[in-house]
N, C-alpha and C. Protein backbone atom coordinates (compact mmCIF):
# COMPACT_ATOMS: atom_id res chain seq x y z
N ALA A 1 0.82 -1.22 0.02
CA ALA A 1 -0.04 0.02 -0.02
C ALA A 1 0.92 1.29 0.05
N THR A 2 0.31 2.22 -0.73
CA THR A 2 1.12 3.39 -0.73
C THR A 2 0.61 4.49 0.35
N GLY A 3 1.32 5.01 0.94
CA GLY A 3 1.02 6.05 2.03
C GLY A 3 1.07 7.52 1.29
N GLY A 4 1.34 8.50 2.25
CA GLY A 4 1.38 9.66 1.82
C GLY A 4 1.70 10.65 3.02
N THR A 5 1.71 12.04 2.81
CA THR A 5 2.14 12.97 3.81
C THR A 5 1.13 13.87 4.01
N GLU A 6 0.06 13.62 3.23
CA GLU A 6 -1.14 14.76 3.44
C GLU A 6 -1.87 14.55 4.54
N THR A 7 -2.76 15.71 5.13
CA THR A 7 -3.63 15.77 6.37
C THR A 7 -4.91 15.24 5.90
N ILE A 8 -5.51 14.44 6.64
CA ILE A 8 -6.82 13.96 6.36
C ILE A 8 -7.71 14.10 7.67
N LEU A 9 -8.86 14.79 7.34
CA LEU A 9 -10.10 15.14 8.49
C LEU A 9 -10.83 13.80 8.37
N VAL A 10 -10.78 13.09 9.43
CA VAL A 10 -11.72 11.78 9.79
C VAL A 10 -12.64 12.15 10.60
N ALA A 11 -14.16 11.98 10.16
CA ALA A 11 -15.21 11.95 10.98
C ALA A 11 -16.06 10.72 11.02
N GLU A 12 -16.15 10.10 12.04
CA GLU A 12 -16.54 8.81 12.36
C GLU A 12 -17.25 8.89 13.72
N ASP A 13 -18.33 8.47 14.10
CA ASP A 13 -19.06 8.35 15.35
C ASP A 13 -18.71 7.15 16.07
N ASP A 14 -18.25 6.23 15.56
CA ASP A 14 -17.88 5.15 16.39
C ASP A 14 -16.48 5.16 16.50
N GLY A 15 -16.03 5.17 18.00
CA GLY A 15 -14.68 5.63 18.41
C GLY A 15 -13.68 4.39 18.09
N MET A 16 -14.16 3.01 18.00
CA MET A 16 -13.22 2.10 17.51
C MET A 16 -12.89 2.10 16.23
N ILE A 17 -13.75 2.33 15.14
CA ILE A 17 -13.55 2.64 13.95
C ILE A 17 -12.56 3.87 13.62
N ARG A 18 -13.01 4.94 14.34
CA ARG A 18 -12.01 6.11 14.18
C ARG A 18 -10.68 5.78 14.70
N ASN A 19 -10.66 5.22 15.68
CA ASN A 19 -9.28 4.89 16.31
C ASN A 19 -8.36 3.82 15.22
N LEU A 20 -9.06 3.02 14.77
CA LEU A 20 -8.40 2.39 13.84
C LEU A 20 -8.13 2.85 12.37
N THR A 21 -8.86 3.61 12.01
CA THR A 21 -8.62 4.28 10.71
C THR A 21 -7.61 5.53 10.90
N ARG A 22 -7.51 5.92 12.30
CA ARG A 22 -6.23 6.92 12.43
C ARG A 22 -5.14 6.01 12.55
N SER A 23 -5.16 4.81 13.18
CA SER A 23 -3.79 3.95 13.16
C SER A 23 -3.29 3.73 11.84
N VAL A 24 -4.28 3.31 10.89
CA VAL A 24 -3.82 2.88 9.82
C VAL A 24 -3.32 4.06 9.02
N LEU A 25 -3.78 5.03 8.95
CA LEU A 25 -3.63 6.23 8.14
C LEU A 25 -2.20 6.76 8.64
N THR A 26 -2.01 6.99 10.06
CA THR A 26 -0.80 7.60 10.46
C THR A 26 0.45 6.62 10.34
N GLU A 27 0.00 5.19 10.35
CA GLU A 27 1.14 4.28 10.29
C GLU A 27 1.67 4.34 8.72
N PHE A 28 0.97 4.85 7.80
CA PHE A 28 1.49 5.12 6.44
C PHE A 28 1.90 6.40 6.13
N GLY A 29 2.18 7.29 7.03
CA GLY A 29 2.65 8.51 6.99
C GLY A 29 1.58 9.94 6.98
N TYR A 30 0.42 9.65 6.76
CA TYR A 30 -0.63 10.51 6.77
C TYR A 30 -0.86 11.05 8.34
N THR A 31 -1.29 12.52 8.33
CA THR A 31 -1.68 13.25 9.54
C THR A 31 -3.09 13.31 9.71
N VAL A 32 -3.70 12.95 10.68
CA VAL A 32 -5.13 12.71 11.04
C VAL A 32 -5.65 13.78 11.86
N ILE A 33 -6.62 14.44 11.49
CA ILE A 33 -7.35 15.04 12.53
C ILE A 33 -8.76 14.55 12.72
N GLU A 34 -9.26 14.40 13.94
CA GLU A 34 -10.37 13.43 14.31
C GLU A 34 -11.63 14.49 14.55
N ALA A 35 -12.73 13.91 14.34
CA ALA A 35 -14.07 14.39 14.52
C ALA A 35 -15.05 13.18 14.89
N SER A 36 -15.86 13.30 16.09
CA SER A 36 -16.71 12.34 16.33
C SER A 36 -18.13 12.57 15.70
N ASP A 37 -18.33 13.65 15.27
CA ASP A 37 -19.79 13.64 14.39
C ASP A 37 -19.48 14.90 13.31
N GLY A 38 -20.53 15.27 12.56
CA GLY A 38 -20.41 16.18 11.52
C GLY A 38 -20.15 17.43 12.10
N GLU A 39 -20.84 18.12 13.08
CA GLU A 39 -20.70 19.38 13.83
C GLU A 39 -19.12 19.68 14.15
N GLU A 40 -18.75 18.80 14.75
CA GLU A 40 -17.16 18.72 14.99
C GLU A 40 -16.22 18.86 13.91
N ALA A 41 -16.80 18.02 12.78
CA ALA A 41 -15.82 17.92 11.73
C ALA A 41 -15.83 19.35 11.14
N VAL A 42 -16.97 20.07 11.04
CA VAL A 42 -16.76 21.36 10.20
C VAL A 42 -16.17 22.59 11.15
N ARG A 43 -16.20 22.21 12.78
CA ARG A 43 -15.27 22.99 13.48
C ARG A 43 -13.85 22.56 13.22
N GLN A 44 -13.63 21.38 13.10
CA GLN A 44 -12.12 20.95 12.92
C GLN A 44 -11.82 21.63 11.60
N PHE A 45 -12.54 21.67 10.51
CA PHE A 45 -12.16 22.11 9.26
C PHE A 45 -11.65 23.73 9.17
N ARG A 46 -12.70 24.29 10.11
CA ARG A 46 -12.66 25.74 10.10
C ARG A 46 -11.25 26.08 10.83
N ASP A 47 -10.97 25.30 11.90
CA ASP A 47 -9.65 25.64 12.54
C ASP A 47 -8.43 25.06 11.82
N HIS A 48 -8.59 24.16 10.90
CA HIS A 48 -7.28 23.73 9.99
C HIS A 48 -7.41 23.79 8.57
N ALA A 49 -8.41 24.61 8.07
CA ALA A 49 -8.88 24.69 6.86
C ALA A 49 -7.55 24.57 5.80
N ASP A 50 -6.55 25.29 6.02
CA ASP A 50 -5.47 25.29 5.03
C ASP A 50 -4.92 24.25 4.85
N GLY A 51 -4.68 23.26 5.91
CA GLY A 51 -3.97 22.04 5.90
C GLY A 51 -4.44 20.83 5.55
N ILE A 52 -5.74 20.94 5.41
CA ILE A 52 -6.49 19.43 5.29
C ILE A 52 -6.62 19.39 3.70
N ASP A 53 -6.28 18.14 3.42
CA ASP A 53 -6.13 17.77 2.00
C ASP A 53 -7.46 16.83 1.72
N LEU A 54 -8.06 16.28 2.80
CA LEU A 54 -9.13 15.16 2.31
C LEU A 54 -9.87 14.98 3.49
N LEU A 55 -11.21 15.14 3.26
CA LEU A 55 -12.36 14.66 4.15
C LEU A 55 -12.69 13.19 4.08
N LEU A 56 -12.51 12.49 5.20
CA LEU A 56 -12.87 11.23 5.20
C LEU A 56 -14.15 10.83 6.24
N PHE A 57 -15.27 10.96 5.77
CA PHE A 57 -16.49 11.17 6.28
C PHE A 57 -17.45 9.74 6.57
N ASP A 58 -17.92 9.45 7.77
CA ASP A 58 -18.83 8.48 7.60
C ASP A 58 -20.27 9.25 7.12
N VAL A 59 -20.90 8.31 6.51
CA VAL A 59 -22.27 9.17 5.83
C VAL A 59 -23.09 9.16 7.10
N ILE A 60 -23.49 8.52 7.84
CA ILE A 60 -24.55 8.59 9.05
C ILE A 60 -23.65 8.77 10.26
N MET A 61 -23.93 10.12 10.61
CA MET A 61 -23.46 10.46 11.95
C MET A 61 -24.53 11.31 12.77
N PRO A 62 -24.36 11.50 14.05
CA PRO A 62 -25.37 12.32 15.08
C PRO A 62 -24.91 13.73 14.63
N LYS A 63 -25.86 14.58 15.06
CA LYS A 63 -25.81 16.19 15.05
C LYS A 63 -25.65 16.44 13.66
N LYS A 64 -24.96 15.99 12.70
CA LYS A 64 -24.98 16.56 11.13
C LYS A 64 -24.41 15.23 10.55
N ASN A 65 -24.96 14.99 9.60
CA ASN A 65 -24.50 13.57 8.76
C ASN A 65 -23.34 14.09 7.81
N GLY A 66 -22.59 13.04 7.36
CA GLY A 66 -21.36 13.20 6.58
C GLY A 66 -21.58 14.20 5.47
N LYS A 67 -22.79 13.98 4.68
CA LYS A 67 -22.96 14.87 3.57
C LYS A 67 -23.30 16.23 3.86
N ALA A 68 -23.84 16.45 4.88
CA ALA A 68 -24.27 17.95 5.31
C ALA A 68 -22.92 18.58 5.84
N ALA A 69 -22.36 18.03 6.46
CA ALA A 69 -20.93 18.42 7.08
C ALA A 69 -20.07 18.81 5.65
N TYR A 70 -20.10 18.04 4.76
CA TYR A 70 -19.20 18.15 3.64
C TYR A 70 -19.81 19.35 2.69
N GLU A 71 -21.27 19.47 2.73
CA GLU A 71 -21.66 20.63 1.90
C GLU A 71 -21.34 21.86 2.50
N GLU A 72 -21.28 21.95 3.92
CA GLU A 72 -20.85 23.16 4.58
C GLU A 72 -19.39 23.51 4.42
N ILE A 73 -18.69 22.54 4.54
CA ILE A 73 -17.21 22.62 4.40
C ILE A 73 -16.94 23.03 2.72
N ARG A 74 -17.51 22.33 1.96
CA ARG A 74 -17.31 22.81 0.47
C ARG A 74 -17.59 24.11 0.16
N GLN A 75 -18.77 24.89 0.86
CA GLN A 75 -18.71 26.29 0.92
C GLN A 75 -17.63 27.13 1.21
N MET A 76 -16.95 26.41 2.21
CA MET A 76 -15.64 27.26 2.46
C MET A 76 -14.22 26.99 1.54
N ARG A 77 -14.20 25.83 1.02
CA ARG A 77 -13.29 25.64 0.04
C ARG A 77 -13.93 24.71 -1.16
N THR A 78 -14.08 25.04 -2.14
CA THR A 78 -15.13 24.28 -3.15
C THR A 78 -14.33 23.04 -3.62
N GLY A 79 -13.07 23.17 -3.66
CA GLY A 79 -12.43 21.86 -4.26
C GLY A 79 -11.84 20.91 -3.60
N ILE A 80 -12.44 21.03 -2.18
CA ILE A 80 -11.72 19.87 -1.14
C ILE A 80 -12.18 18.57 -1.78
N ARG A 81 -11.34 17.71 -1.42
CA ARG A 81 -11.58 16.20 -1.88
C ARG A 81 -12.42 15.75 -0.69
N ALA A 82 -13.18 14.54 -1.01
CA ALA A 82 -13.94 13.71 0.13
C ALA A 82 -13.98 12.44 -0.45
N LEU A 83 -13.95 11.49 0.69
CA LEU A 83 -14.35 10.21 0.79
C LEU A 83 -15.20 9.80 1.75
N PHE A 84 -16.32 9.19 1.19
CA PHE A 84 -17.27 8.66 2.25
C PHE A 84 -17.49 7.35 2.51
N ILE A 85 -17.67 6.93 3.87
CA ILE A 85 -17.60 5.54 4.36
C ILE A 85 -19.16 5.18 4.82
N SER A 86 -19.43 4.21 4.54
CA SER A 86 -20.76 3.76 5.06
C SER A 86 -20.98 2.42 5.43
N GLY A 87 -21.90 2.02 6.10
CA GLY A 87 -22.27 0.67 6.21
C GLY A 87 -23.30 0.13 5.28
N TYR A 88 -23.71 1.17 4.52
CA TYR A 88 -24.69 0.76 3.33
C TYR A 88 -24.05 0.91 2.14
N SER A 89 -24.55 0.15 1.10
CA SER A 89 -23.83 0.12 -0.19
C SER A 89 -24.06 1.35 -0.94
N ALA A 90 -23.18 1.58 -1.70
CA ALA A 90 -23.27 2.90 -2.34
C ALA A 90 -24.52 3.29 -3.19
N ASP A 91 -25.15 1.91 -3.66
CA ASP A 91 -26.38 2.07 -4.44
C ASP A 91 -27.46 2.47 -3.55
N ILE A 92 -27.49 1.82 -2.46
CA ILE A 92 -28.53 2.24 -1.28
C ILE A 92 -28.53 3.64 -0.96
N ILE A 93 -27.26 4.23 -0.56
CA ILE A 93 -27.19 5.62 0.08
C ILE A 93 -27.22 6.62 -1.32
N THR A 94 -27.08 6.17 -2.32
CA THR A 94 -27.74 7.16 -3.59
C THR A 94 -29.03 7.10 -3.81
N LYS A 95 -29.57 5.71 -3.82
CA LYS A 95 -30.83 5.82 -4.16
C LYS A 95 -31.84 6.43 -3.14
N GLU A 96 -31.52 6.44 -1.82
CA GLU A 96 -31.95 7.15 -0.58
C GLU A 96 -31.95 8.47 -0.85
N GLY A 97 -30.98 9.10 -1.63
CA GLY A 97 -30.82 10.45 -1.62
C GLY A 97 -29.77 11.07 -0.45
N VAL A 98 -29.08 10.23 0.14
CA VAL A 98 -28.04 10.51 1.05
C VAL A 98 -26.97 11.30 0.42
N LEU A 99 -26.60 10.70 -0.53
CA LEU A 99 -25.33 10.92 -1.23
C LEU A 99 -25.61 11.03 -2.89
N GLU A 100 -25.20 12.00 -3.55
CA GLU A 100 -25.39 11.88 -5.08
C GLU A 100 -24.37 11.36 -5.94
N ARG A 101 -24.73 10.65 -6.94
CA ARG A 101 -23.72 10.02 -8.02
C ARG A 101 -22.52 10.97 -8.18
N GLY A 102 -21.31 10.06 -8.36
CA GLY A 102 -20.08 11.07 -8.59
C GLY A 102 -19.16 11.23 -7.14
N LEU A 103 -19.76 10.79 -6.18
CA LEU A 103 -19.12 11.20 -4.84
C LEU A 103 -18.46 9.55 -4.60
N ASP A 104 -17.24 9.95 -3.87
CA ASP A 104 -16.51 8.59 -3.80
C ASP A 104 -17.08 7.88 -2.55
N VAL A 105 -17.59 6.63 -2.45
CA VAL A 105 -18.21 5.97 -1.47
C VAL A 105 -17.40 4.46 -1.25
N VAL A 106 -16.80 4.33 0.02
CA VAL A 106 -16.56 3.07 0.24
C VAL A 106 -17.36 2.39 1.38
N THR A 107 -17.41 0.92 1.21
CA THR A 107 -18.43 0.53 2.25
C THR A 107 -17.60 -0.21 3.47
N LYS A 108 -18.45 -0.21 4.73
CA LYS A 108 -17.84 -1.02 5.78
C LYS A 108 -18.39 -2.46 5.80
N PRO A 109 -17.41 -3.27 6.31
CA PRO A 109 -16.19 -3.16 6.63
C PRO A 109 -15.20 -2.94 5.43
N ILE A 110 -14.01 -2.42 5.69
CA ILE A 110 -13.06 -2.10 4.82
C ILE A 110 -11.87 -2.48 5.09
N SER A 111 -11.04 -3.24 4.43
CA SER A 111 -9.65 -3.60 4.90
C SER A 111 -8.82 -2.49 4.85
N PRO A 112 -7.67 -2.48 5.68
CA PRO A 112 -6.77 -1.44 5.89
C PRO A 112 -6.24 -1.17 4.55
N LEU A 113 -5.95 -2.06 3.66
CA LEU A 113 -5.08 -1.95 2.50
C LEU A 113 -6.06 -1.26 1.41
N GLU A 114 -7.45 -1.54 1.52
CA GLU A 114 -8.46 -1.31 0.50
C GLU A 114 -8.54 0.34 0.82
N LEU A 115 -8.81 0.76 2.13
CA LEU A 115 -9.06 2.10 2.40
C LEU A 115 -7.64 2.81 2.18
N LEU A 116 -6.31 2.40 2.21
CA LEU A 116 -5.42 2.99 1.76
C LEU A 116 -5.30 3.40 0.40
N ARG A 117 -5.66 2.22 -0.56
CA ARG A 117 -5.61 2.26 -1.79
C ARG A 117 -6.84 3.42 -2.12
N LYS A 118 -7.85 3.53 -1.72
CA LYS A 118 -8.92 4.58 -2.12
C LYS A 118 -8.58 5.74 -1.69
N VAL A 119 -7.94 5.85 -0.48
CA VAL A 119 -7.66 7.45 -0.12
C VAL A 119 -6.50 7.95 -0.88
N ARG A 120 -5.67 7.11 -1.53
CA ARG A 120 -4.43 7.56 -2.28
C ARG A 120 -5.27 7.94 -3.71
N GLU A 121 -6.22 6.97 -4.11
CA GLU A 121 -6.79 7.52 -5.41
C GLU A 121 -7.49 8.72 -5.44
N VAL A 122 -8.11 8.84 -4.31
CA VAL A 122 -8.84 10.21 -4.41
C VAL A 122 -7.97 11.48 -4.21
N LEU A 123 -6.88 11.36 -3.27
CA LEU A 123 -5.84 12.29 -3.44
C LEU A 123 -5.29 12.70 -4.68
N ASP A 124 -4.92 11.47 -5.29
CA ASP A 124 -4.20 11.81 -6.72
C ASP A 124 -4.87 12.16 -7.79
N ARG A 125 -6.22 12.21 -7.73
CA ARG A 125 -7.19 12.58 -8.80
C ARG A 125 -6.96 14.24 -9.05
N LYS A 126 -6.89 14.50 -10.20
CA LYS A 126 -6.69 15.77 -10.71
C LYS A 126 -8.07 16.27 -10.80
């Protein structure tokens, strides 16, 4: 797996998944800023906006879901890259209107190598 030196804002309400995600990403060189819900993710982005390269957001979170947090952040920086994680398949969350087509989504559970591969793919996209 290829790592990197970018900074990733991880928003995940499940503490065990958030810790595992942070461990995998930091082991491969990434800097991780954590948030436990969508509102905290927006606050963290405001505090660190210039340094964040990727949003890695759970789709369903308390207080503000991943899509709503992403939309608010996108108003601050239109070109911000995002990768969404969900326990539901991409087809289901698109069909239910949670996310629109064209956004990057991976489903839980996801292997560490697959997560690293997808993060690198989204970061490298022009």
